[in-house]
C-alpha atoms as a PDB file:
ATOM      1  CA  UNK A   1      -5.104 -96.791 146.290  1.00  0.00           C
ATOM      2  CA  UNK A   2      -5.346 -97.466 150.025  1.00  0.00           C
ATOM      3  CA  UNK A   3      -3.304 -95.331 152.383  1.00  0.00           C
ATOM      4  CA  UNK A   4      -0.655 -96.983 154.537  1.00  0.00           C
ATOM      5  CA  UNK A   5      -2.053 -95.123 157.564  1.00  0.00           C
ATOM      6  CA  UNK A   6      -4.696 -92.538 158.392  1.00  0.00           C
ATOM      7  CA  UNK A   7      -3.887 -88.945 157.500  1.00  0.00           C
ATOM      8  CA  UNK A   8      -5.489 -86.345 159.747  1.00  0.00           C
ATOM      9  CA  UNK A   9      -6.189 -82.806 158.531  1.00  0.00           C
ATOM     10  CA  UNK A  10      -7.835 -80.409 161.011  1.00  0.00           C
ATOM     11  CA  UNK A  11      -9.111 -83.339 163.127  1.00  0.00           C
ATOM     12  CA  UNK A  12     -10.666 -85.036 160.096  1.00  0.00           C
ATOM     13  CA  UNK A  13      -9.552 -88.287 158.471  1.00  0.00           C
ATOM     14  CA  UNK A  14      -8.617 -87.915 154.809  1.00  0.00           C
ATOM     15  CA  UNK A  15     -10.309 -90.411 152.499  1.00  0.00           C
ATOM     16  CA  UNK A  16      -8.052 -92.529 150.315  1.00  0.00           C
ATOM     17  CA  UNK A  17      -7.809 -91.355 146.699  1.00  0.00           C
ATOM     18  CA  UNK A  18     -10.101 -93.242 144.353  1.00  0.00           C
ATOM     19  CA  UNK A  19      -8.503 -96.344 142.838  1.00  0.00           C
ATOM     20  CA  UNK A  20      -7.944 -95.709 139.148  1.00  0.00           C
ATOM     21  CA  UNK A  21      -8.822 -98.278 136.511  1.00  0.00           C
ATOM     22  CA  UNK A  22      -6.079 -99.587 134.221  1.00  0.00           C
ATOM     23  CA  UNK A  23      -7.208 -97.273 131.411  1.00  0.00           C
ATOM     24  CA  UNK A  24      -7.098 -94.301 133.799  1.00  0.00           C
ATOM     25  CA  UNK A  25      -3.822 -95.180 135.512  1.00  0.00           C
ATOM     26  CA  UNK A  26      -1.870 -95.512 132.252  1.00  0.00           C
ATOM     27  CA  UNK A  27      -2.274 -91.928 130.999  1.00  0.00           C
ATOM     28  CA  UNK A  28      -2.069 -90.633 134.586  1.00  0.00           C
ATOM     29  CA  UNK A  29       1.389 -92.211 134.930  1.00  0.00           C
ATOM     30  CA  UNK A  30       2.469 -90.734 131.590  1.00  0.00           C
ATOM     31  CA  UNK A  31       1.366 -87.296 132.821  1.00  0.00           C
ATOM     32  CA  UNK A  32       3.453 -87.807 135.952  1.00  0.00           C
ATOM     33  CA  UNK A  33       6.449 -88.846 133.836  1.00  0.00           C
ATOM     34  CA  UNK A  34       5.917 -85.837 131.559  1.00  0.00           C
ATOM     35  CA  UNK A  35       6.119 -83.566 134.586  1.00  0.00           C
ATOM     36  CA  UNK A  36       8.758 -85.054 136.878  1.00  0.00           C
ATOM     37  CA  UNK A  37      10.195 -88.005 135.008  1.00  0.00           C
ATOM     38  CA  UNK A  38      13.498 -88.603 133.294  1.00  0.00           C
ATOM     39  CA  UNK A  39      14.335 -91.303 130.734  1.00  0.00           C
ATOM     40  CA  UNK A  40      18.083 -91.785 130.794  1.00  0.00           C
ATOM     41  CA  UNK A  41      20.542 -93.627 128.570  1.00  0.00           C
ATOM     42  CA  UNK A  42      24.075 -93.867 129.954  1.00  0.00           C
ATOM     43  CA  UNK A  43      27.141 -95.908 129.102  1.00  0.00           C
ATOM     44  CA  UNK A  44      29.369 -98.211 131.105  1.00  0.00           C
ATOM     45  CA  UNK A  45      33.018 -97.660 130.219  1.00  0.00           C
ATOM     46  CA  UNK A  46      31.964 -96.905 126.631  1.00  0.00           C
ATOM     47  CA  UNK A  47      31.172-100.612 126.185  1.00  0.00           C
ATOM     48  CA  UNK A  48      27.512-101.075 127.103  1.00  0.00           C
ATOM     49  CA  UNK A  49      24.449 -98.861 127.350  1.00  0.00           C
ATOM     50  CA  UNK A  50      22.383 -98.658 130.537  1.00  0.00           C
ATOM     51  CA  UNK A  51      18.779 -97.492 130.816  1.00  0.00           C
ATOM     52  CA  UNK A  52      16.895 -95.820 133.611  1.00  0.00           C
ATOM     53  CA  UNK A  53      13.545 -94.205 134.348  1.00  0.00           C
ATOM     54  CA  UNK A  54      13.367 -91.928 137.369  1.00  0.00           C
ATOM     55  CA  UNK A  55      10.319 -90.070 138.689  1.00  0.00           C
ATOM     56  CA  UNK A  56      11.423 -87.916 141.615  1.00  0.00           C
ATOM     57  CA  UNK A  57       8.983 -86.161 143.944  1.00  0.00           C
ATOM     58  CA  UNK A  58       9.187 -84.345 147.255  1.00  0.00           C
ATOM     59  CA  UNK A  59       8.599 -86.791 150.117  1.00  0.00           C
ATOM     60  CA  UNK A  60       5.249 -85.293 151.079  1.00  0.00           C
ATOM     61  CA  UNK A  61       2.011 -86.990 152.155  1.00  0.00           C
ATOM     62  CA  UNK A  62       0.697 -89.613 149.702  1.00  0.00           C
ATOM     63  CA  UNK A  63       3.564 -89.400 147.192  1.00  0.00           C
ATOM     64  CA  UNK A  64       5.246 -92.548 148.481  1.00  0.00           C
ATOM     65  CA  UNK A  65       1.932 -94.473 148.509  1.00  0.00           C
ATOM     66  CA  UNK A  66       1.238 -93.343 144.943  1.00  0.00           C
ATOM     67  CA  UNK A  67       4.654 -94.341 143.612  1.00  0.00           C
ATOM     68  CA  UNK A  68       4.571 -97.713 145.383  1.00  0.00           C
ATOM     69  CA  UNK A  69       1.243 -98.488 143.734  1.00  0.00           C
ATOM     70  CA  UNK A  70       2.603 -97.458 140.329  1.00  0.00           C
ATOM     71  CA  UNK A  71       5.709 -99.621 140.866  1.00  0.00           C
ATOM     72  CA  UNK A  72       3.502-102.631 141.646  1.00  0.00           C
ATOM     73  CA  UNK A  73       1.696-102.169 138.332  1.00  0.00           C
ATOM     74  CA  UNK A  74       4.563-101.187 136.024  1.00  0.00           C
ATOM     75  CA  UNK A  75       7.637-102.564 137.777  1.00  0.00           C
ATOM     76  CA  UNK A  76      10.686-101.007 139.351  1.00  0.00           C
ATOM     77  CA  UNK A  77      11.128 -99.932 142.949  1.00  0.00           C
ATOM     78  CA  UNK A  78      10.690 -96.927 145.220  1.00  0.00           C
ATOM     79  CA  UNK A  79      13.537 -95.299 147.112  1.00  0.00           C
ATOM     80  CA  UNK A  80      13.708 -92.486 149.658  1.00  0.00           C
ATOM     81  CA  UNK A  81      16.566 -90.054 150.071  1.00  0.00           C
ATOM     82  CA  UNK A  82      17.674 -86.613 151.217  1.00  0.00           C
ATOM     83  CA  UNK A  83      19.232 -83.935 149.045  1.00  0.00           C
ATOM     84  CA  UNK A  84      20.215 -80.475 150.299  1.00  0.00           C
ATOM     85  CA  UNK A  85      18.236 -81.117 153.502  1.00  0.00           C
ATOM     86  CA  UNK A  86      15.068 -81.904 151.513  1.00  0.00           C
ATOM     87  CA  UNK A  87      13.561 -85.394 151.543  1.00  0.00           C
ATOM     88  CA  UNK A  88      12.479 -86.982 148.288  1.00  0.00           C
ATOM     89  CA  UNK A  89      10.949 -90.204 147.024  1.00  0.00           C
ATOM     90  CA  UNK A  90      11.769 -91.816 143.676  1.00  0.00           C
ATOM     91  CA  UNK A  91      10.239 -94.458 141.432  1.00  0.00           C
ATOM     92  CA  UNK A  92      13.082 -96.115 139.530  1.00  0.00           C
ATOM     93  CA  UNK A  93      13.254 -98.681 136.724  1.00  0.00           C
ATOM     94  CA  UNK A  94      16.574 -99.900 135.347  1.00  0.00           C
ATOM     95  CA  UNK A  95      15.654-103.345 134.016  1.00  0.00           C
ATOM     96  CA  UNK A  96      15.549-103.720 130.223  1.00  0.00           C
ATOM     97  CA  UNK A  97      12.874-106.416 130.297  1.00  0.00           C
ATOM     98  CA  UNK A  98      10.598-104.195 132.378  1.00  0.00           C
ATOM     99  CA  UNK A  99      11.062-101.380 129.888  1.00  0.00           C
ATOM    100  CA  UNK A 100      10.172-103.623 126.978  1.00  0.00           C
ATOM    101  CA  UNK A 101       7.222-105.295 128.711  1.00  0.00           C
ATOM    102  CA  UNK A 102       5.540-102.318 130.391  1.00  0.00           C
ATOM    103  CA  UNK A 103       7.071 -98.887 129.773  1.00  0.00           C
ATOM    104  CA  UNK A 104       7.440 -98.944 125.979  1.00  0.00           C
ATOM    105  CA  UNK A 105       3.844-100.200 125.521  1.00  0.00           C
ATOM    106  CA  UNK A 106       2.658 -97.536 127.991  1.00  0.00           C
ATOM    107  CA  UNK A 107       4.409 -94.679 126.189  1.00  0.00           C
ATOM    108  CA  UNK A 108       3.390 -95.987 122.773  1.00  0.00           C
ATOM    109  CA  UNK A 109      -0.270 -96.232 123.814  1.00  0.00           C
ATOM    110  CA  UNK A 110      -0.244 -92.826 125.504  1.00  0.00           C
ATOM    111  CA  UNK A 111       2.529 -90.738 123.883  1.00  0.00           C
ATOM    112  CA  UNK A 112       4.062 -88.072 126.146  1.00  0.00           C
ATOM    113  CA  UNK A 113       2.580 -84.616 125.599  1.00  0.00           C
ATOM    114  CA  UNK A 114       5.555 -82.443 126.549  1.00  0.00           C
ATOM    115  CA  UNK A 115       8.219 -81.864 123.932  1.00  0.00           C
ATOM    116  CA  UNK A 116      10.919 -82.630 126.522  1.00  0.00           C
ATOM    117  CA  UNK A 117       9.660 -86.115 127.271  1.00  0.00           C
ATOM    118  CA  UNK A 118       8.623 -86.879 123.697  1.00  0.00           C
ATOM    119  CA  UNK A 119      12.188 -86.221 122.520  1.00  0.00           C
ATOM    120  CA  UNK A 120      13.660 -88.118 125.467  1.00  0.00           C
ATOM    121  CA  UNK A 121      11.453 -91.061 124.560  1.00  0.00           C
ATOM    122  CA  UNK A 122      12.481 -91.025 120.895  1.00  0.00           C
ATOM    123  CA  UNK A 123      16.139 -91.168 121.960  1.00  0.00           C
ATOM    124  CA  UNK A 124      15.567 -93.723 124.722  1.00  0.00           C
ATOM    125  CA  UNK A 125      13.527 -96.112 122.570  1.00  0.00           C
ATOM    126  CA  UNK A 126      15.980 -95.894 119.664  1.00  0.00           C
ATOM    127  CA  UNK A 127      18.920 -97.030 121.769  1.00  0.00           C
ATOM    128  CA  UNK A 128      16.995 -99.526 123.869  1.00  0.00           C
ATOM    129  CA  UNK A 129      15.989-101.380 120.699  1.00  0.00           C
ATOM    130  CA  UNK A 130      19.273-100.761 118.867  1.00  0.00           C
ATOM    131  CA  UNK A 131      22.055-100.400 121.475  1.00  0.00           C
ATOM    132  CA  UNK A 132      24.910 -99.304 119.236  1.00  0.00           C
ATOM    133  CA  UNK A 133      27.373 -97.484 121.481  1.00  0.00           C
ATOM    134  CA  UNK A 134      29.079 -95.584 118.656  1.00  0.00           C
ATOM    135  CA  UNK A 135      25.787 -94.114 117.462  1.00  0.00           C
ATOM    136  CA  UNK A 136      24.875 -93.204 121.029  1.00  0.00           C
ATOM    137  CA  UNK A 137      27.941 -90.976 121.402  1.00  0.00           C
ATOM    138  CA  UNK A 138      27.108 -89.234 118.126  1.00  0.00           C
ATOM    139  CA  UNK A 139      23.432 -88.644 118.940  1.00  0.00           C
ATOM    140  CA  UNK A 140      23.361 -87.942 122.673  1.00  0.00           C
ATOM    141  CA  UNK A 141      24.118 -84.224 122.299  1.00  0.00           C
ATOM    142  CA  UNK A 142      21.461 -83.812 119.597  1.00  0.00           C
ATOM    143  CA  UNK A 143      18.503 -85.061 121.599  1.00  0.00           C
ATOM    144  CA  UNK A 144      16.596 -81.769 121.664  1.00  0.00           C
ATOM    145  CA  UNK A 145      17.840 -80.107 118.488  1.00  0.00           C
ATOM    146  CA  UNK A 146      14.629 -80.805 116.555  1.00  0.00           C
ATOM    147  CA  UNK A 147      12.278 -79.469 119.227  1.00  0.00           C
ATOM    148  CA  UNK A 148      11.019 -76.555 117.117  1.00  0.00           C
ATOM    149  CA  UNK A 149      10.251 -78.818 114.174  1.00  0.00           C
ATOM    150  CA  UNK A 150       7.882 -81.027 116.207  1.00  0.00           C
ATOM    151  CA  UNK A 151       5.994 -78.190 117.942  1.00  0.00           C
ATOM    152  CA  UNK A 152       3.147 -78.196 118.588  1.00  0.00           C
ATOM    153  CA  UNK A 153       2.814 -81.887 119.383  1.00  0.00           C
ATOM    154  CA  UNK A 154      -0.955 -81.612 118.889  1.00  0.00           C
ATOM    155  CA  UNK A 155      -3.624 -79.113 117.922  1.00  0.00           C
ATOM    156  CA  UNK A 156      -6.496 -81.105 119.431  1.00  0.00           C
ATOM    157  CA  UNK A 157      -6.148 -82.733 122.836  1.00  0.00           C
ATOM    158  CA  UNK A 158      -5.952 -86.557 122.633  1.00  0.00           C
ATOM    159  CA  UNK A 159      -8.661 -88.757 124.087  1.00  0.00           C
ATOM    160  CA  UNK A 160      -6.547 -89.584 127.162  1.00  0.00           C
ATOM    161  CA  UNK A 161      -5.986 -85.918 128.053  1.00  0.00           C
ATOM    162  CA  UNK A 162      -8.309 -85.955 131.090  1.00  0.00           C
ATOM    163  CA  UNK A 163      -6.320 -88.607 132.958  1.00  0.00           C
ATOM    164  CA  UNK A 164      -2.957 -87.437 131.608  1.00  0.00           C
ATOM    165  CA  UNK A 165      -3.655 -83.938 132.923  1.00  0.00           C
ATOM    166  CA  UNK A 166      -4.311 -85.247 136.436  1.00  0.00           C
ATOM    167  CA  UNK A 167      -0.900 -86.935 136.451  1.00  0.00           C
ATOM    168  CA  UNK A 168       0.721 -83.800 135.079  1.00  0.00           C
ATOM    169  CA  UNK A 169      -0.938 -81.722 137.810  1.00  0.00           C
ATOM    170  CA  UNK A 170       0.578 -84.080 140.409  1.00  0.00           C
ATOM    171  CA  UNK A 171       3.932 -82.897 139.075  1.00  0.00           C
ATOM    172  CA  UNK A 172       3.420 -79.327 137.944  1.00  0.00           C
ATOM    173  CA  UNK A 173       0.138 -77.981 139.336  1.00  0.00           C
ATOM    174  CA  UNK A 174      -0.457 -76.074 142.566  1.00  0.00           C
ATOM    175  CA  UNK A 175      -3.495 -75.110 144.617  1.00  0.00           C
ATOM    176  CA  UNK A 176      -2.849 -72.110 146.836  1.00  0.00           C
ATOM    177  CA  UNK A 177      -4.750 -69.991 149.360  1.00  0.00           C
ATOM    178  CA  UNK A 178      -3.581 -66.431 149.571  1.00  0.00           C
ATOM    179  CA  UNK A 179      -3.451 -64.299 152.701  1.00  0.00           C
ATOM    180  CA  UNK A 180      -6.486 -62.295 151.607  1.00  0.00           C
ATOM    181  CA  UNK A 181      -8.509 -65.498 151.378  1.00  0.00           C
ATOM    182  CA  UNK A 182      -8.391 -65.646 147.601  1.00  0.00           C
ATOM    183  CA  UNK A 183      -7.827 -68.983 145.916  1.00  0.00           C
ATOM    184  CA  UNK A 184      -5.987 -69.973 142.817  1.00  0.00           C
ATOM    185  CA  UNK A 185      -4.749 -72.858 140.717  1.00  0.00           C
ATOM    186  CA  UNK A 186      -1.594 -72.519 138.641  1.00  0.00           C
ATOM    187  CA  UNK A 187       0.399 -74.693 136.272  1.00  0.00           C
ATOM    188  CA  UNK A 188       3.317 -74.003 133.956  1.00  0.00           C
ATOM    189  CA  UNK A 189       5.797 -75.580 131.570  1.00  0.00           C
ATOM    190  CA  UNK A 190       8.996 -74.732 129.740  1.00  0.00           C
ATOM    191  CA  UNK A 191       8.843 -74.370 125.936  1.00  0.00           C
ATOM    192  CA  UNK A 192       5.346 -75.817 125.385  1.00  0.00           C
ATOM    193  CA  UNK A 193       2.866 -72.962 125.035  1.00  0.00           C
ATOM    194  CA  UNK A 194       0.497 -75.258 123.074  1.00  0.00           C
ATOM    195  CA  UNK A 195       0.195 -77.488 126.154  1.00  0.00           C
ATOM    196  CA  UNK A 196      -0.714 -74.682 128.540  1.00  0.00           C
ATOM    197  CA  UNK A 197      -3.262 -73.426 125.985  1.00  0.00           C
ATOM    198  CA  UNK A 198      -4.785 -76.918 125.836  1.00  0.00           C
ATOM    199  CA  UNK A 199      -5.077 -76.996 129.638  1.00  0.00           C
ATOM    200  CA  UNK A 200      -6.660 -73.538 129.619  1.00  0.00           C
ATOM    201  CA  UNK A 201      -9.181 -74.609 126.976  1.00  0.00           C
ATOM    202  CA  UNK A 202      -9.943 -77.885 128.772  1.00  0.00           C
ATOM    203  CA  UNK A 203     -11.085 -75.923 131.816  1.00  0.00           C
ATOM    204  CA  UNK A 204     -13.123 -73.502 129.727  1.00  0.00           C
ATOM    205  CA  UNK A 205     -11.118 -70.414 130.692  1.00  0.00           C
ATOM    206  CA  UNK A 206      -9.899 -69.468 127.225  1.00  0.00           C
ATOM    207  CA  UNK A 207     -10.283 -65.783 128.056  1.00  0.00           C
ATOM    208  CA  UNK A 208      -7.335 -65.944 130.470  1.00  0.00           C
ATOM    209  CA  UNK A 209      -3.906 -64.736 129.394  1.00  0.00           C
ATOM    210  CA  UNK A 210      -0.987 -67.144 129.568  1.00  0.00           C
ATOM    211  CA  UNK A 211       1.984 -65.560 131.312  1.00  0.00           C
ATOM    212  CA  UNK A 212       5.309 -65.724 129.525  1.00  0.00           C
ATOM    213  CA  UNK A 213       8.623 -65.609 131.344  1.00  0.00           C
ATOM    214  CA  UNK A 214      12.242 -66.479 130.641  1.00  0.00           C
ATOM    215  CA  UNK A 215      14.077 -68.689 133.115  1.00  0.00           C
ATOM    216  CA  UNK A 216      16.702 -66.680 134.993  1.00  0.00           C
ATOM    217  CA  UNK A 217      19.179 -69.554 134.982  1.00  0.00           C
ATOM    218  CA  UNK A 218      18.084 -71.789 132.103  1.00  0.00           C
ATOM    219  CA  UNK A 219      17.018 -69.020 129.738  1.00  0.00           C
ATOM    220  CA  UNK A 220      14.156 -71.273 128.595  1.00  0.00           C
ATOM    221  CA  UNK A 221      10.763 -69.798 127.730  1.00  0.00           C
ATOM    222  CA  UNK A 222       8.256 -70.583 130.492  1.00  0.00           C
ATOM    223  CA  UNK A 223       4.476 -70.452 130.075  1.00  0.00           C
ATOM    224  CA  UNK A 224       2.117 -70.339 133.048  1.00  0.00           C
ATOM    225  CA  UNK A 225      -1.642 -70.390 133.562  1.00  0.00           C
ATOM    226  CA  UNK A 226      -3.252 -69.063 136.747  1.00  0.00           C
ATOM    227  CA  UNK A 227      -6.942 -69.582 137.469  1.00  0.00           C
ATOM    228  CA  UNK A 228      -8.444 -67.384 140.190  1.00  0.00           C
ATOM    229  CA  UNK A 229     -12.174 -67.207 139.567  1.00  0.00           C
ATOM    230  CA  UNK A 230     -14.606 -69.356 141.541  1.00  0.00           C
ATOM    231  CA  UNK A 231     -16.067 -70.776 138.329  1.00  0.00           C
ATOM    232  CA  UNK A 232     -12.712 -71.648 136.784  1.00  0.00           C
ATOM    233  CA  UNK A 233     -11.235 -73.049 139.980  1.00  0.00           C
ATOM    234  CA  UNK A 234     -14.406 -75.061 140.499  1.00  0.00           C
ATOM    235  CA  UNK A 235     -13.863 -76.770 137.136  1.00  0.00           C
ATOM    236  CA  UNK A 236     -10.320 -77.691 138.133  1.00  0.00           C
ATOM    237  CA  UNK A 237     -11.574 -79.136 141.433  1.00  0.00           C
ATOM    238  CA  UNK A 238     -14.308 -81.092 139.652  1.00  0.00           C
ATOM    239  CA  UNK A 239     -11.747 -82.650 137.339  1.00  0.00           C
ATOM    240  CA  UNK A 240      -9.105 -83.403 139.967  1.00  0.00           C
ATOM    241  CA  UNK A 241     -11.118 -84.728 142.909  1.00  0.00           C
ATOM    242  CA  UNK A 242     -11.576 -88.264 141.560  1.00  0.00           C
ATOM    243  CA  UNK A 243      -8.248 -88.542 139.730  1.00  0.00           C
ATOM    244  CA  UNK A 244      -5.412 -87.139 141.867  1.00  0.00           C
ATOM    245  CA  UNK A 245      -3.426 -89.796 143.742  1.00  0.00           C
ATOM    246  CA  UNK A 246      -0.512 -88.136 145.529  1.00  0.00           C
ATOM    247  CA  UNK A 247       0.383 -85.004 147.445  1.00  0.00           C
ATOM    248  CA  UNK A 248      -1.719 -82.806 145.164  1.00  0.00           C
ATOM    249  CA  UNK A 249      -4.789 -84.742 146.360  1.00  0.00           C
ATOM    250  CA  UNK A 250      -3.765 -83.858 149.920  1.00  0.00           C
ATOM    251  CA  UNK A 251      -3.114 -80.239 148.889  1.00  0.00           C
ATOM    252  CA  UNK A 252      -6.514 -80.040 147.187  1.00  0.00           C
ATOM    253  CA  UNK A 253      -8.247 -81.420 150.293  1.00  0.00           C
ATOM    254  CA  UNK A 254      -6.641 -78.697 152.432  1.00  0.00           C
ATOM    255  CA  UNK A 255      -7.452 -76.103 149.771  1.00  0.00           C
ATOM    256  CA  UNK A 256     -11.138 -77.074 149.731  1.00  0.00           C
ATOM    257  CA  UNK A 257     -11.487 -77.359 153.519  1.00  0.00           C
ATOM    258  CA  UNK A 258     -10.057 -73.872 154.138  1.00  0.00           C
ATOM    259  CA  UNK A 259     -11.977 -72.121 151.401  1.00  0.00           C
ATOM    260  CA  UNK A 260     -15.435 -70.738 152.137  1.00  0.00           C
ATOM    261  CA  UNK A 261     -16.496 -70.966 148.491  1.00  0.00           C
ATOM    262  CA  UNK A 262     -15.638 -74.658 148.148  1.00  0.00           C
ATOM    263  CA  UNK A 263     -15.965 -75.843 151.757  1.00  0.00           C
ATOM    264  CA  UNK A 264     -19.194 -77.683 150.927  1.00  0.00           C
ATOM    265  CA  UNK A 265     -17.093 -80.132 148.930  1.00  0.00           C
ATOM    266  CA  UNK A 266     -15.103 -81.210 151.991  1.00  0.00           C
ATOM    267  CA  UNK A 267     -17.295 -84.288 152.374  1.00  0.00           C
ATOM    268  CA  UNK A 268     -15.764 -85.639 149.168  1.00  0.00           C
ATOM    269  CA  UNK A 269     -12.334 -85.698 150.836  1.00  0.00           C
ATOM    270  CA  UNK A 270     -12.980 -86.508 154.497  1.00  0.00           C
ATOM    271  CA  UNK A 271     -14.621 -89.388 156.376  1.00  0.00           C
END
């Protein structure tokens, strides 16, 4: 993916993210959808069903470039907006033919790995292929009722997990430098403890404890992994450097450039 214009960080030009192959981009996009996507089925005057995919991200460096590239490959369009004084950028698809030609094959080849999106996809696909309005009104409130019966979605990470995880990190991961100069990577998810365990095991930090919280507003169980050791964080950086495409690539470049432990990797991000 080539950047629309040069991005300067501390007087250095940021390199463009590596262009992903088709077999890398597919699971990456699914990871992004798993994190920040929404598959929606709505009705028009109780007569017809309408379908929509939305991936909504903060309008931060590289996110618009990333979504425009994805839209070129899979269809749809990109739109910018402002909500509560915060700018955002969205990738949107609402064309049934596009869903049938690109999105259904994508999500069948690389099934979503969060229970939220897996259940959304079951519902979405059912009514896209069989648009019976009466059945829609019966089923729409039952979309997530079988969540517990399908958990965990896997016990062994699928073969596309590497690329999927990079897309998921674009949505849900964070690289942060603390005031004391410490460094950390964190990622979390509602409901899906199995997924956070799989991420922990992928990075070889199985000794770490997964934090459990309950959402103050939603009441949902939330599971979070934080990696703070140089060895563990180094594994995350190694994985992400050649796969991230959006703002998290930018965030990682800043993270590496400001960190004494990882500063020697700056050449991988800057010209």
